[in-house]
C-alpha atoms as a PDB file:
ATOM      1  CA  MET A   1     -25.228 -14.508 131.837  1.00  0.00           C
ATOM      2  CA  ASN A   2     -23.916 -17.297 134.017  1.00  0.00           C
ATOM      3  CA  ASP A   3     -23.343 -20.496 131.985  1.00  0.00           C
ATOM      4  CA  ASP A   4     -25.139 -22.506 134.685  1.00  0.00           C
ATOM      5  CA  VAL A   5     -28.250 -20.365 134.159  1.00  0.00           C
ATOM      6  CA  THR A   6     -28.376 -21.240 130.468  1.00  0.00           C
ATOM      7  CA  LYS A   7     -28.175 -24.953 131.368  1.00  0.00           C
ATOM      8  CA  LEU A   8     -30.882 -24.693 134.048  1.00  0.00           C
ATOM      9  CA  GLY A   9     -33.113 -27.745 133.935  1.00  0.00           C
ATOM     10  CA  ALA A  10     -30.523 -30.004 132.282  1.00  0.00           C
ATOM     11  CA  ASP A  11     -30.486 -33.512 133.729  1.00  0.00           C
ATOM     12  CA  LYS A  12     -27.300 -33.758 135.781  1.00  0.00           C
ATOM     13  CA  LEU A  13     -28.355 -36.743 137.884  1.00  0.00           C
ATOM     14  CA  GLY A  14     -29.157 -39.258 135.175  1.00  0.00           C
ATOM     15  CA  ALA A  15     -30.410 -42.531 136.642  1.00  0.00           C
ATOM     16  CA  ALA A  16     -29.585 -41.277 140.153  1.00  0.00           C
ATOM     17  CA  GLY A  17     -32.474 -38.836 139.728  1.00  0.00           C
ATOM     18  CA  ASP A  18     -34.916 -41.706 140.182  1.00  0.00           C
ATOM     19  CA  ASP A  19     -33.136 -42.715 143.379  1.00  0.00           C
ATOM     20  CA  PHE A  20     -33.325 -39.165 144.700  1.00  0.00           C
ATOM     21  CA  TYR A  21     -37.015 -38.907 143.809  1.00  0.00           C
ATOM     22  CA  GLU A  22     -37.656 -42.131 145.712  1.00  0.00           C
ATOM     23  CA  ALA A  23     -35.761 -40.794 148.748  1.00  0.00           C
ATOM     24  CA  LEU A  24     -37.669 -37.513 148.551  1.00  0.00           C
ATOM     25  CA  MET A  25     -41.016 -39.298 148.485  1.00  0.00           C
ATOM     26  CA  ALA A  26     -39.923 -41.487 151.413  1.00  0.00           C
ATOM     27  CA  ALA A  27     -38.954 -38.373 153.388  1.00  0.00           C
ATOM     28  CA  HIS A  28     -42.534 -37.102 152.960  1.00  0.00           C
ATOM     29  CA  ASP A  29     -44.146 -40.410 153.902  1.00  0.00           C
ATOM     30  CA  GLY A  30     -46.501 -39.994 156.865  1.00  0.00           C
ATOM     31  CA  LEU A  31     -46.216 -36.193 156.969  1.00  0.00           C
ATOM     32  CA  SER A  32     -49.175 -33.846 156.914  1.00  0.00           C
ATOM     33  CA  LEU A  33     -49.461 -31.329 154.062  1.00  0.00           C
ATOM     34  CA  GLU A  34     -48.089 -28.619 156.371  1.00  0.00           C
ATOM     35  CA  GLN A  35     -45.174 -30.802 157.500  1.00  0.00           C
ATOM     36  CA  SER A  36     -44.385 -31.644 153.865  1.00  0.00           C
ATOM     37  CA  ALA A  37     -44.391 -27.962 152.964  1.00  0.00           C
ATOM     38  CA  ARG A  38     -41.983 -27.213 155.821  1.00  0.00           C
ATOM     39  CA  LEU A  39     -39.716 -30.093 154.762  1.00  0.00           C
ATOM     40  CA  ASN A  40     -39.672 -28.763 151.183  1.00  0.00           C
ATOM     41  CA  ALA A  41     -38.845 -25.245 152.405  1.00  0.00           C
ATOM     42  CA  ARG A  42     -35.974 -26.471 154.597  1.00  0.00           C
ATOM     43  CA  LEU A  43     -34.629 -28.661 151.773  1.00  0.00           C
ATOM     44  CA  LEU A  44     -34.829 -25.769 149.326  1.00  0.00           C
ATOM     45  CA  LEU A  45     -32.903 -23.477 151.672  1.00  0.00           C
ATOM     46  CA  LEU A  46     -30.230 -26.118 152.282  1.00  0.00           C
ATOM     47  CA  LEU A  47     -29.788 -26.665 148.554  1.00  0.00           C
ATOM     48  CA  ALA A  48     -29.847 -22.916 147.823  1.00  0.00           C
ATOM     49  CA  ASN A  49     -27.012 -22.406 150.294  1.00  0.00           C
ATOM     50  CA  GLN A  50     -25.119 -25.259 148.662  1.00  0.00           C
ATOM     51  CA  VAL A  51     -25.572 -23.698 145.197  1.00  0.00           C
ATOM     52  CA  GLY A  52     -24.557 -20.275 146.497  1.00  0.00           C
ATOM     53  CA  ASP A  53     -25.278 -18.438 143.231  1.00  0.00           C
ATOM     54  CA  ALA A  54     -28.046 -15.830 143.597  1.00  0.00           C
ATOM     55  CA  GLU A  55     -28.413 -15.336 139.827  1.00  0.00           C
ATOM     56  CA  LEU A  56     -28.863 -19.058 139.255  1.00  0.00           C
ATOM     57  CA  LEU A  57     -31.325 -19.324 142.143  1.00  0.00           C
ATOM     58  CA  ARG A  58     -33.444 -16.432 140.817  1.00  0.00           C
ATOM     59  CA  ALA A  59     -33.467 -18.068 137.382  1.00  0.00           C
ATOM     60  CA  ALA A  60     -34.546 -21.364 138.960  1.00  0.00           C
ATOM     61  CA  LEU A  61     -37.410 -19.613 140.747  1.00  0.00           C
ATOM     62  CA  GLY A  62     -38.550 -18.139 137.462  1.00  0.00           C
ATOM     63  CA  LYS A  63     -38.321 -21.461 135.653  1.00  0.00           C
ATOM     64  CA  ALA A  64     -40.207 -23.294 138.414  1.00  0.00           C
ATOM     65  CA  ARG A  65     -42.947 -20.669 138.224  1.00  0.00           C
ATOM     66  CA  GLU A  66     -43.368 -21.320 134.470  1.00  0.00           C
ATOM     67  CA  GLU A  67     -44.179 -24.993 134.807  1.00  0.00           C
END
């Protein structure tokens, strides 16, 4: 199993995570529910391509489904 998969969910951003969350919320400001969903889908695909590890991405989908 990929070492990154076993560390899935570990906080790698630290305090910068709060900054990213704030930017994410600002990106959604003024959008309809449908527009927000499309933004999330585009962001997810961009980040998935950046990660580039299908095993890790499948594990992330499973973990997100759990919570």
